[in-house]
């Protein structure tokens, strides 16, 4: 989704998340992906003592959570976000 705009620098990520030049779909998807990733990392860290997760399992959890959230947003709001899932899938490799 970010392509060349990707950064591992925290300050640069904050600037990316506040980027107002993106359309609404992209801004929502990037922000929610960031939120879901932070939550998954936090959750894995808390579970590590009992049952660590493989990186691929974390990735799958994040992607499934995003897919579910976008489906829910589309179902609730309908108008204006009907193609948000299509946009999300178009960014997947």
C-alpha atoms as a PDB file:
ATOM      1  CA  UNK A   1       0.000   0.000   0.000  1.00  0.00           C
ATOM      2  CA  UNK A   2       2.803   2.417   0.842  1.00  0.00           C
ATOM      3  CA  UNK A   3       5.204   1.221  -1.847  1.00  0.00           C
ATOM      4  CA  UNK A   4       8.116   3.709  -1.864  1.00  0.00           C
ATOM      5  CA  UNK A   5       6.671   5.772   1.011  1.00  0.00           C
ATOM      6  CA  UNK A   6       7.402   2.963   3.501  1.00  0.00           C
ATOM      7  CA  UNK A   7       9.629   3.850   6.438  1.00  0.00           C
ATOM      8  CA  UNK A   8      10.724   2.182   9.661  1.00  0.00           C
ATOM      9  CA  UNK A   9      11.243   5.588  11.291  1.00  0.00           C
ATOM     10  CA  UNK A  10       8.516   6.340  13.848  1.00  0.00           C
ATOM     11  CA  UNK A  11       8.333  10.074  13.050  1.00  0.00           C
ATOM     12  CA  UNK A  12       8.097   9.361   9.323  1.00  0.00           C
ATOM     13  CA  UNK A  13       5.261   6.896   9.998  1.00  0.00           C
ATOM     14  CA  UNK A  14       3.331   9.524  11.936  1.00  0.00           C
ATOM     15  CA  UNK A  15       3.719  11.941   9.017  1.00  0.00           C
ATOM     16  CA  UNK A  16       2.488   9.209   6.636  1.00  0.00           C
ATOM     17  CA  UNK A  17      -0.561   8.538   8.806  1.00  0.00           C
ATOM     18  CA  UNK A  18      -1.443  12.224   8.793  1.00  0.00           C
ATOM     19  CA  UNK A  19      -0.993  12.523   5.015  1.00  0.00           C
ATOM     20  CA  UNK A  20      -4.028  14.399   3.735  1.00  0.00           C
ATOM     21  CA  UNK A  21      -3.170  14.072   0.046  1.00  0.00           C
ATOM     22  CA  UNK A  22      -4.354  10.448  -0.029  1.00  0.00           C
ATOM     23  CA  UNK A  23      -7.933   9.625  -0.857  1.00  0.00           C
ATOM     24  CA  UNK A  24     -10.245   8.520   1.934  1.00  0.00           C
ATOM     25  CA  UNK A  25      -9.959   4.783   1.185  1.00  0.00           C
ATOM     26  CA  UNK A  26      -6.179   4.753   1.233  1.00  0.00           C
ATOM     27  CA  UNK A  27      -5.972   6.872   4.384  1.00  0.00           C
ATOM     28  CA  UNK A  28      -8.426   4.569   6.178  1.00  0.00           C
ATOM     29  CA  UNK A  29      -6.679   1.381   5.024  1.00  0.00           C
ATOM     30  CA  UNK A  30      -3.203   2.625   5.961  1.00  0.00           C
ATOM     31  CA  UNK A  31      -4.346   3.872   9.373  1.00  0.00           C
ATOM     32  CA  UNK A  32      -6.268   0.696  10.162  1.00  0.00           C
ATOM     33  CA  UNK A  33      -3.402  -1.520   8.970  1.00  0.00           C
ATOM     34  CA  UNK A  34      -1.046   0.383  11.255  1.00  0.00           C
ATOM     35  CA  UNK A  35      -3.456   0.021  14.181  1.00  0.00           C
ATOM     36  CA  UNK A  36      -4.004  -3.702  13.545  1.00  0.00           C
ATOM     37  CA  UNK A  37      -0.256  -4.306  13.280  1.00  0.00           C
ATOM     38  CA  UNK A  38       0.511  -2.527  16.549  1.00  0.00           C
ATOM     39  CA  UNK A  39      -2.278  -4.472  18.277  1.00  0.00           C
ATOM     40  CA  UNK A  40      -1.061  -7.831  16.887  1.00  0.00           C
ATOM     41  CA  UNK A  41       2.516  -7.151  18.004  1.00  0.00           C
ATOM     42  CA  UNK A  42       1.315  -6.123  21.473  1.00  0.00           C
ATOM     43  CA  UNK A  43      -0.890  -9.208  21.716  1.00  0.00           C
ATOM     44  CA  UNK A  44       1.906 -11.538  20.604  1.00  0.00           C
ATOM     45  CA  UNK A  45       4.281  -9.995  23.143  1.00  0.00           C
ATOM     46  CA  UNK A  46       1.765 -10.610  25.934  1.00  0.00           C
ATOM     47  CA  UNK A  47       1.205 -14.211  24.801  1.00  0.00           C
ATOM     48  CA  UNK A  48       4.886 -14.981  24.265  1.00  0.00           C
ATOM     49  CA  UNK A  49       5.359 -16.487  27.705  1.00  0.00           C
ATOM     50  CA  UNK A  50       2.639 -19.052  27.112  1.00  0.00           C
ATOM     51  CA  UNK A  51       2.619 -19.647  23.373  1.00  0.00           C
ATOM     52  CA  UNK A  52       4.780 -17.655  20.934  1.00  0.00           C
ATOM     53  CA  UNK A  53       3.406 -17.084  17.433  1.00  0.00           C
ATOM     54  CA  UNK A  54       5.356 -17.488  14.213  1.00  0.00           C
ATOM     55  CA  UNK A  55       5.768 -14.398  12.034  1.00  0.00           C
ATOM     56  CA  UNK A  56       3.533 -15.893   9.328  1.00  0.00           C
ATOM     57  CA  UNK A  57       0.814 -16.557  11.898  1.00  0.00           C
ATOM     58  CA  UNK A  58       0.991 -12.930  13.058  1.00  0.00           C
ATOM     59  CA  UNK A  59       0.799 -11.737   9.445  1.00  0.00           C
ATOM     60  CA  UNK A  60      -2.223 -13.949   8.786  1.00  0.00           C
ATOM     61  CA  UNK A  61      -3.931 -12.675  11.946  1.00  0.00           C
ATOM     62  CA  UNK A  62      -3.346  -9.061  10.901  1.00  0.00           C
ATOM     63  CA  UNK A  63      -4.643  -9.614   7.365  1.00  0.00           C
ATOM     64  CA  UNK A  64      -7.710 -11.501   8.571  1.00  0.00           C
ATOM     65  CA  UNK A  65      -8.486  -8.774  11.110  1.00  0.00           C
ATOM     66  CA  UNK A  66      -8.191  -6.073   8.454  1.00  0.00           C
ATOM     67  CA  UNK A  67     -10.377  -8.038   6.035  1.00  0.00           C
ATOM     68  CA  UNK A  68     -13.035  -8.496   8.723  1.00  0.00           C
ATOM     69  CA  UNK A  69     -12.944  -4.816   9.721  1.00  0.00           C
ATOM     70  CA  UNK A  70     -13.224  -3.628   6.115  1.00  0.00           C
ATOM     71  CA  UNK A  71     -16.139  -6.004   5.525  1.00  0.00           C
ATOM     72  CA  UNK A  72     -17.868  -4.629   8.610  1.00  0.00           C
ATOM     73  CA  UNK A  73     -17.247  -1.005   7.582  1.00  0.00           C
ATOM     74  CA  UNK A  74     -18.616  -1.722   4.128  1.00  0.00           C
ATOM     75  CA  UNK A  75     -21.717  -3.391   5.567  1.00  0.00           C
ATOM     76  CA  UNK A  76     -22.408  -0.609   8.082  1.00  0.00           C
ATOM     77  CA  UNK A  77     -21.632   2.471   6.048  1.00  0.00           C
ATOM     78  CA  UNK A  78     -22.350   1.188   2.547  1.00  0.00           C
ATOM     79  CA  UNK A  79     -22.325   4.465   0.684  1.00  0.00           C
ATOM     80  CA  UNK A  80     -18.839   5.706  -0.206  1.00  0.00           C
ATOM     81  CA  UNK A  81     -16.959   2.655   1.001  1.00  0.00           C
ATOM     82  CA  UNK A  82     -18.450  -0.053  -1.193  1.00  0.00           C
ATOM     83  CA  UNK A  83     -15.177  -0.568  -3.030  1.00  0.00           C
ATOM     84  CA  UNK A  84     -12.895  -0.434   0.018  1.00  0.00           C
ATOM     85  CA  UNK A  85     -12.362  -4.216   0.025  1.00  0.00           C
ATOM     86  CA  UNK A  86     -11.548  -4.095  -3.665  1.00  0.00           C
ATOM     87  CA  UNK A  87      -8.968  -1.392  -2.941  1.00  0.00           C
ATOM     88  CA  UNK A  88      -7.488  -3.469  -0.092  1.00  0.00           C
ATOM     89  CA  UNK A  89      -7.155  -6.570  -2.278  1.00  0.00           C
ATOM     90  CA  UNK A  90      -5.589  -4.520  -5.078  1.00  0.00           C
ATOM     91  CA  UNK A  91      -2.751  -3.596  -2.701  1.00  0.00           C
ATOM     92  CA  UNK A  92      -1.986  -7.220  -1.765  1.00  0.00           C
ATOM     93  CA  UNK A  93       0.861  -8.985  -3.504  1.00  0.00           C
END
